[in-house]
């Protein structure tokens, strides 16, 4: 019987990012994950990091006029 093919909804991830944290930082992260019942740590890290980046990119989007000029 041939293997069923499925379409991927998410891209295949090949790149690895490594981040070192202190024991205290790790304890804080673990407590947060436990408190909010987050079981997929890598997915949470990826979503948290990318949402922070997207938010900053959206706020820093270049505009035609400076903030001072627009508030007048």
PDB file of N, CA and C in Angstrom:
ATOM      1  N   UNK A   1       0.846  -1.176   0.000  1.00  0.00           N
ATOM      2  CA  UNK A   1       0.000   0.000   0.000  1.00  0.00           C
ATOM      3  C   UNK A   1       0.892   1.239   0.000  1.00  0.00           C
ATOM      4  N   UNK A   2       0.680   2.175  -0.934  1.00  0.00           N
ATOM      5  CA  UNK A   2       1.513   3.374  -0.991  1.00  0.00           C
ATOM      6  C   UNK A   2       1.265   4.284   0.210  1.00  0.00           C
ATOM      7  N   UNK A   3       2.321   4.988   0.545  1.00  0.00           N
ATOM      8  CA  UNK A   3       2.243   5.917   1.674  1.00  0.00           C
ATOM      9  C   UNK A   3       1.376   7.121   1.299  1.00  0.00           C
ATOM     10  N   UNK A   4       0.486   7.499   2.194  1.00  0.00           N
ATOM     11  CA  UNK A   4      -0.394   8.636   1.942  1.00  0.00           C
ATOM     12  C   UNK A   4       0.414   9.928   1.951  1.00  0.00           C
ATOM     13  N   UNK A   5       0.143  10.767   0.990  1.00  0.00           N
ATOM     14  CA  UNK A   5       0.840  12.049   0.939  1.00  0.00           C
ATOM     15  C   UNK A   5      -0.044  13.112   1.572  1.00  0.00           C
ATOM     16  N   UNK A   6       0.582  13.976   2.317  1.00  0.00           N
ATOM     17  CA  UNK A   6      -0.146  15.077   2.940  1.00  0.00           C
ATOM     18  C   UNK A   6       0.519  16.380   2.549  1.00  0.00           C
ATOM     19  N   UNK A   7      -0.260  17.422   2.502  1.00  0.00           N
ATOM     20  CA  UNK A   7       0.307  18.733   2.216  1.00  0.00           C
ATOM     21  C   UNK A   7       0.671  19.399   3.533  1.00  0.00           C
ATOM     22  N   UNK A   8       1.815  20.012   3.552  1.00  0.00           N
ATOM     23  CA  UNK A   8       2.291  20.682   4.767  1.00  0.00           C
ATOM     24  C   UNK A   8       1.661  22.066   4.864  1.00  0.00           C
ATOM     25  N   UNK A   9       1.209  22.392   6.068  1.00  0.00           N
ATOM     26  CA  UNK A   9       0.675  23.731   6.284  1.00  0.00           C
ATOM     27  C   UNK A   9       1.758  24.663   6.803  1.00  0.00           C
ATOM     28  N   UNK A  10       2.845  24.098   7.336  1.00  0.00           N
ATOM     29  CA  UNK A  10       3.959  24.896   7.837  1.00  0.00           C
ATOM     30  C   UNK A  10       5.222  24.502   7.080  1.00  0.00           C
ATOM     31  N   UNK A  11       6.112  25.458   6.865  1.00  0.00           N
ATOM     32  CA  UNK A  11       7.354  25.131   6.154  1.00  0.00           C
ATOM     33  C   UNK A  11       8.253  24.215   6.992  1.00  0.00           C
ATOM     34  N   UNK A  12       9.072  23.442   6.294  1.00  0.00           N
ATOM     35  CA  UNK A  12      10.040  22.594   6.980  1.00  0.00           C
ATOM     36  C   UNK A  12      11.138  23.497   7.526  1.00  0.00           C
ATOM     37  N   UNK A  13      11.495  23.279   8.774  1.00  0.00           N
ATOM     38  CA  UNK A  13      12.510  24.124   9.414  1.00  0.00           C
ATOM     39  C   UNK A  13      13.845  23.393   9.415  1.00  0.00           C
ATOM     40  N   UNK A  14      14.846  24.031   8.800  1.00  0.00           N
ATOM     41  CA  UNK A  14      16.176  23.430   8.735  1.00  0.00           C
ATOM     42  C   UNK A  14      17.203  24.198   9.558  1.00  0.00           C
ATOM     43  N   UNK A  15      16.923  25.442   9.862  1.00  0.00           N
ATOM     44  CA  UNK A  15      17.889  26.284  10.574  1.00  0.00           C
ATOM     45  C   UNK A  15      17.693  26.168  12.078  1.00  0.00           C
ATOM     46  N   UNK A  16      18.801  26.118  12.790  1.00  0.00           N
ATOM     47  CA  UNK A  16      18.770  25.977  14.241  1.00  0.00           C
ATOM     48  C   UNK A  16      19.286  27.259  14.883  1.00  0.00           C
ATOM     49  N   UNK A  17      18.634  27.661  15.967  1.00  0.00           N
ATOM     50  CA  UNK A  17      19.055  28.816  16.751  1.00  0.00           C
ATOM     51  C   UNK A  17      19.324  28.320  18.162  1.00  0.00           C
ATOM     52  N   UNK A  18      20.485  28.672  18.692  1.00  0.00           N
ATOM     53  CA  UNK A  18      20.859  28.236  20.038  1.00  0.00           C
ATOM     54  C   UNK A  18      21.012  29.469  20.914  1.00  0.00           C
ATOM     55  N   UNK A  19      20.458  29.393  22.106  1.00  0.00           N
ATOM     56  CA  UNK A  19      20.512  30.507  23.044  1.00  0.00           C
ATOM     57  C   UNK A  19      20.852  29.953  24.423  1.00  0.00           C
ATOM     58  N   UNK A  20      21.872  30.512  25.053  1.00  0.00           N
ATOM     59  CA  UNK A  20      22.251  30.076  26.395  1.00  0.00           C
ATOM     60  C   UNK A  20      21.608  30.987  27.421  1.00  0.00           C
ATOM     61  N   UNK A  21      21.068  30.386  28.477  1.00  0.00           N
ATOM     62  CA  UNK A  21      20.454  31.148  29.561  1.00  0.00           C
ATOM     63  C   UNK A  21      21.043  30.674  30.883  1.00  0.00           C
ATOM     64  N   UNK A  22      20.938  31.520  31.882  1.00  0.00           N
ATOM     65  CA  UNK A  22      21.426  31.139  33.206  1.00  0.00           C
ATOM     66  C   UNK A  22      20.430  30.173  33.852  1.00  0.00           C
ATOM     67  N   UNK A  23      20.838  29.574  34.957  1.00  0.00           N
ATOM     68  CA  UNK A  23      19.948  28.658  35.669  1.00  0.00           C
ATOM     69  C   UNK A  23      18.709  29.388  36.172  1.00  0.00           C
ATOM     70  N   UNK A  24      18.887  30.616  36.640  1.00  0.00           N
ATOM     71  CA  UNK A  24      17.742  31.395  37.126  1.00  0.00           C
ATOM     72  C   UNK A  24      16.771  31.710  35.990  1.00  0.00           C
ATOM     73  N   UNK A  25      17.310  32.094  34.830  1.00  0.00           N
ATOM     74  CA  UNK A  25      16.452  32.374  33.679  1.00  0.00           C
ATOM     75  C   UNK A  25      15.705  31.120  33.240  1.00  0.00           C
ATOM     76  N   UNK A  26      16.385  29.984  33.274  1.00  0.00           N
ATOM     77  CA  UNK A  26      15.739  28.727  32.899  1.00  0.00           C
ATOM     78  C   UNK A  26      14.630  28.371  33.877  1.00  0.00           C
ATOM     79  N   UNK A  27      14.868  28.632  35.150  1.00  0.00           N
ATOM     80  CA  UNK A  27      13.850  28.363  36.168  1.00  0.00           C
ATOM     81  C   UNK A  27      12.621  29.235  35.918  1.00  0.00           C
ATOM     82  N   UNK A  28      12.841  30.505  35.581  1.00  0.00           N
ATOM     83  CA  UNK A  28      11.736  31.420  35.295  1.00  0.00           C
ATOM     84  C   UNK A  28      10.943  30.939  34.081  1.00  0.00           C
ATOM     85  N   UNK A  29      11.645  30.541  33.039  1.00  0.00           N
ATOM     86  CA  UNK A  29      10.982  30.038  31.833  1.00  0.00           C
ATOM     87  C   UNK A  29      10.176  28.787  32.150  1.00  0.00           C
ATOM     88  N   UNK A  30      10.777  27.852  32.865  1.00  0.00           N
ATOM     89  CA  UNK A  30      10.078  26.613  33.210  1.00  0.00           C
ATOM     90  C   UNK A  30       8.838  26.869  34.053  1.00  0.00           C
ATOM     91  N   UNK A  31       8.933  27.801  34.997  1.00  0.00           N
ATOM     92  CA  UNK A  31       7.770  28.131  35.828  1.00  0.00           C
ATOM     93  C   UNK A  31       6.656  28.749  34.987  1.00  0.00           C
ATOM     94  N   UNK A  32       7.031  29.600  34.052  1.00  0.00           N
ATOM     95  CA  UNK A  32       6.037  30.218  33.167  1.00  0.00           C
ATOM     96  C   UNK A  32       5.335  29.148  32.329  1.00  0.00           C
ATOM     97  N   UNK A  33       6.113  28.250  31.744  1.00  0.00           N
ATOM     98  CA  UNK A  33       5.538  27.192  30.919  1.00  0.00           C
ATOM     99  C   UNK A  33       4.612  26.296  31.732  1.00  0.00           C
ATOM    100  N   UNK A  34       5.005  26.006  32.944  1.00  0.00           N
ATOM    101  CA  UNK A  34       4.176  25.169  33.813  1.00  0.00           C
ATOM    102  C   UNK A  34       2.887  25.896  34.197  1.00  0.00           C
ATOM    103  N   UNK A  35       3.005  27.177  34.553  1.00  0.00           N
ATOM    104  CA  UNK A  35       1.842  27.964  34.980  1.00  0.00           C
ATOM    105  C   UNK A  35       0.786  28.034  33.882  1.00  0.00           C
ATOM    106  N   UNK A  36       1.222  28.256  32.644  1.00  0.00           N
ATOM    107  CA  UNK A  36       0.289  28.408  31.534  1.00  0.00           C
ATOM    108  C   UNK A  36       0.106  27.119  30.732  1.00  0.00           C
ATOM    109  N   UNK A  37       0.591  26.017  31.286  1.00  0.00           N
ATOM    110  CA  UNK A  37       0.411  24.672  30.697  1.00  0.00           C
ATOM    111  C   UNK A  37       0.848  24.623  29.238  1.00  0.00           C
ATOM    112  N   UNK A  38       2.011  25.158  28.989  1.00  0.00           N
ATOM    113  CA  UNK A  38       2.594  25.135  27.650  1.00  0.00           C
ATOM    114  C   UNK A  38       3.478  23.903  27.566  1.00  0.00           C
ATOM    115  N   UNK A  39       3.165  23.010  26.644  1.00  0.00           N
ATOM    116  CA  UNK A  39       3.907  21.750  26.550  1.00  0.00           C
ATOM    117  C   UNK A  39       4.952  21.753  25.435  1.00  0.00           C
ATOM    118  N   UNK A  40       4.786  22.608  24.444  1.00  0.00           N
ATOM    119  CA  UNK A  40       5.727  22.656  23.330  1.00  0.00           C
ATOM    120  C   UNK A  40       6.622  23.887  23.488  1.00  0.00           C
ATOM    121  N   UNK A  41       7.754  23.688  24.138  1.00  0.00           N
ATOM    122  CA  UNK A  41       8.651  24.801  24.460  1.00  0.00           C
ATOM    123  C   UNK A  41       9.233  25.448  23.203  1.00  0.00           C
ATOM    124  N   UNK A  42       9.640  24.654  22.234  1.00  0.00           N
ATOM    125  CA  UNK A  42      10.261  25.229  21.036  1.00  0.00           C
ATOM    126  C   UNK A  42       9.259  26.065  20.242  1.00  0.00           C
ATOM    127  N   UNK A  43       8.034  25.586  20.137  1.00  0.00           N
ATOM    128  CA  UNK A  43       7.004  26.354  19.434  1.00  0.00           C
ATOM    129  C   UNK A  43       6.714  27.658  20.164  1.00  0.00           C
ATOM    130  N   UNK A  44       6.639  27.608  21.489  1.00  0.00           N
ATOM    131  CA  UNK A  44       6.404  28.814  22.285  1.00  0.00           C
ATOM    132  C   UNK A  44       7.546  29.816  22.106  1.00  0.00           C
ATOM    133  N   UNK A  45       8.786  29.331  22.158  1.00  0.00           N
ATOM    134  CA  UNK A  45       9.948  30.217  21.976  1.00  0.00           C
ATOM    135  C   UNK A  45       9.907  30.882  20.605  1.00  0.00           C
ATOM    136  N   UNK A  46       9.636  30.090  19.579  1.00  0.00           N
ATOM    137  CA  UNK A  46       9.606  30.610  18.214  1.00  0.00           C
ATOM    138  C   UNK A  46       8.496  31.657  18.066  1.00  0.00           C
ATOM    139  N   UNK A  47       7.294  31.352  18.553  1.00  0.00           N
ATOM    140  CA  UNK A  47       6.183  32.295  18.439  1.00  0.00           C
ATOM    141  C   UNK A  47       6.434  33.567  19.241  1.00  0.00           C
ATOM    142  N   UNK A  48       7.008  33.422  20.427  1.00  0.00           N
ATOM    143  CA  UNK A  48       7.288  34.580  21.272  1.00  0.00           C
ATOM    144  C   UNK A  48       8.324  35.489  20.623  1.00  0.00           C
ATOM    145  N   UNK A  49       9.382  34.903  20.129  1.00  0.00           N
ATOM    146  CA  UNK A  49      10.445  35.676  19.489  1.00  0.00           C
ATOM    147  C   UNK A  49       9.948  36.372  18.225  1.00  0.00           C
ATOM    148  N   UNK A  50       9.268  35.623  17.365  1.00  0.00           N
ATOM    149  CA  UNK A  50       8.813  36.209  16.108  1.00  0.00           C
ATOM    150  C   UNK A  50       7.719  37.249  16.315  1.00  0.00           C
ATOM    151  N   UNK A  51       6.839  37.060  17.286  1.00  0.00           N
ATOM    152  CA  UNK A  51       5.810  38.077  17.532  1.00  0.00           C
ATOM    153  C   UNK A  51       6.448  39.373  18.027  1.00  0.00           C
ATOM    154  N   UNK A  52       7.502  39.267  18.841  1.00  0.00           N
ATOM    155  CA  UNK A  52       8.230  40.456  19.297  1.00  0.00           C
ATOM    156  C   UNK A  52       8.873  41.172  18.109  1.00  0.00           C
ATOM    157  N   UNK A  53       9.497  40.406  17.225  1.00  0.00           N
ATOM    158  CA  UNK A  53      10.154  40.993  16.050  1.00  0.00           C
ATOM    159  C   UNK A  53       9.130  41.648  15.132  1.00  0.00           C
ATOM    160  N   UNK A  54       8.019  40.950  14.835  1.00  0.00           N
ATOM    161  CA  UNK A  54       6.989  41.516  13.958  1.00  0.00           C
ATOM    162  C   UNK A  54       6.396  42.793  14.543  1.00  0.00           C
ATOM    163  N   UNK A  55       6.185  42.809  15.842  1.00  0.00           N
ATOM    164  CA  UNK A  55       5.633  43.997  16.500  1.00  0.00           C
ATOM    165  C   UNK A  55       6.586  45.181  16.341  1.00  0.00           C
ATOM    166  N   UNK A  56       7.876  44.954  16.577  1.00  0.00           N
ATOM    167  CA  UNK A  56       8.860  46.035  16.438  1.00  0.00           C
ATOM    168  C   UNK A  56       8.994  46.498  14.994  1.00  0.00           C
ATOM    169  N   UNK A  57       8.964  45.562  14.056  1.00  0.00           N
ATOM    170  CA  UNK A  57       9.045  45.949  12.648  1.00  0.00           C
ATOM    171  C   UNK A  57       7.839  46.784  12.250  1.00  0.00           C
ATOM    172  N   UNK A  58       6.671  46.424  12.750  1.00  0.00           N
ATOM    173  CA  UNK A  58       5.460  47.170  12.439  1.00  0.00           C
ATOM    174  C   UNK A  58       5.527  48.582  13.015  1.00  0.00           C
ATOM    175  N   UNK A  59       6.041  48.712  14.232  1.00  0.00           N
ATOM    176  CA  UNK A  59       6.153  50.024  14.869  1.00  0.00           C
ATOM    177  C   UNK A  59       7.231  50.886  14.214  1.00  0.00           C
ATOM    178  N   UNK A  60       8.275  50.270  13.685  1.00  0.00           N
ATOM    179  CA  UNK A  60       9.387  51.004  13.083  1.00  0.00           C
ATOM    180  C   UNK A  60       9.241  51.172  11.574  1.00  0.00           C
ATOM    181  N   UNK A  61       8.059  50.879  11.055  1.00  0.00           N
ATOM    182  CA  UNK A  61       7.841  50.963   9.624  1.00  0.00           C
ATOM    183  C   UNK A  61       8.082  52.400   9.160  1.00  0.00           C
ATOM    184  N   UNK A  62       8.849  52.582   8.079  1.00  0.00           N
ATOM    185  CA  UNK A  62       9.145  53.949   7.630  1.00  0.00           C
ATOM    186  C   UNK A  62       7.876  54.664   7.152  1.00  0.00           C
ATOM    187  N   UNK A  63       7.772  55.931   7.493  1.00  0.00           N
ATOM    188  CA  UNK A  63       6.627  56.734   7.072  1.00  0.00           C
ATOM    189  C   UNK A  63       7.116  57.909   6.245  1.00  0.00           C
ATOM    190  N   UNK A  64       6.194  58.535   5.574  1.00  0.00           N
ATOM    191  CA  UNK A  64       6.538  59.670   4.730  1.00  0.00           C
ATOM    192  C   UNK A  64       6.969  60.872   5.568  1.00  0.00           C
ATOM    193  N   UNK A  65       6.326  61.040   6.723  1.00  0.00           N
ATOM    194  CA  UNK A  65       6.637  62.156   7.606  1.00  0.00           C
ATOM    195  C   UNK A  65       7.113  61.622   8.945  1.00  0.00           C
ATOM    196  N   UNK A  66       7.898  62.413   9.661  1.00  0.00           N
ATOM    197  CA  UNK A  66       8.345  62.042  10.991  1.00  0.00           C
ATOM    198  C   UNK A  66       7.200  62.125  11.994  1.00  0.00           C
ATOM    199  N   UNK A  67       7.370  61.503  13.144  1.00  0.00           N
ATOM    200  CA  UNK A  67       6.322  61.500  14.162  1.00  0.00           C
ATOM    201  C   UNK A  67       5.993  62.923  14.613  1.00  0.00           C
ATOM    202  N   UNK A  68       7.012  63.761  14.755  1.00  0.00           N
ATOM    203  CA  UNK A  68       6.799  65.146  15.185  1.00  0.00           C
ATOM    204  C   UNK A  68       5.915  65.897  14.181  1.00  0.00           C
ATOM    205  N   UNK A  69       6.159  65.721  12.893  1.00  0.00           N
ATOM    206  CA  UNK A  69       5.374  66.404  11.858  1.00  0.00           C
ATOM    207  C   UNK A  69       3.926  65.925  11.841  1.00  0.00           C
ATOM    208  N   UNK A  70       3.700  64.656  12.093  1.00  0.00           N
ATOM    209  CA  UNK A  70       2.345  64.110  12.044  1.00  0.00           C
ATOM    210  C   UNK A  70       1.522  64.529  13.260  1.00  0.00           C
ATOM    211  N   UNK A  71       2.155  64.845  14.370  1.00  0.00           N
ATOM    212  CA  UNK A  71       1.423  65.214  15.588  1.00  0.00           C
ATOM    213  C   UNK A  71       1.053  66.699  15.625  1.00  0.00           C
ATOM    214  N   UNK A  72       1.476  67.476  14.663  1.00  0.00           N
ATOM    215  CA  UNK A  72       1.160  68.904  14.659  1.00  0.00           C
ATOM    216  C   UNK A  72      -0.240  69.151  14.225  1.00  0.00           C
TER     217      UNK A  72
END
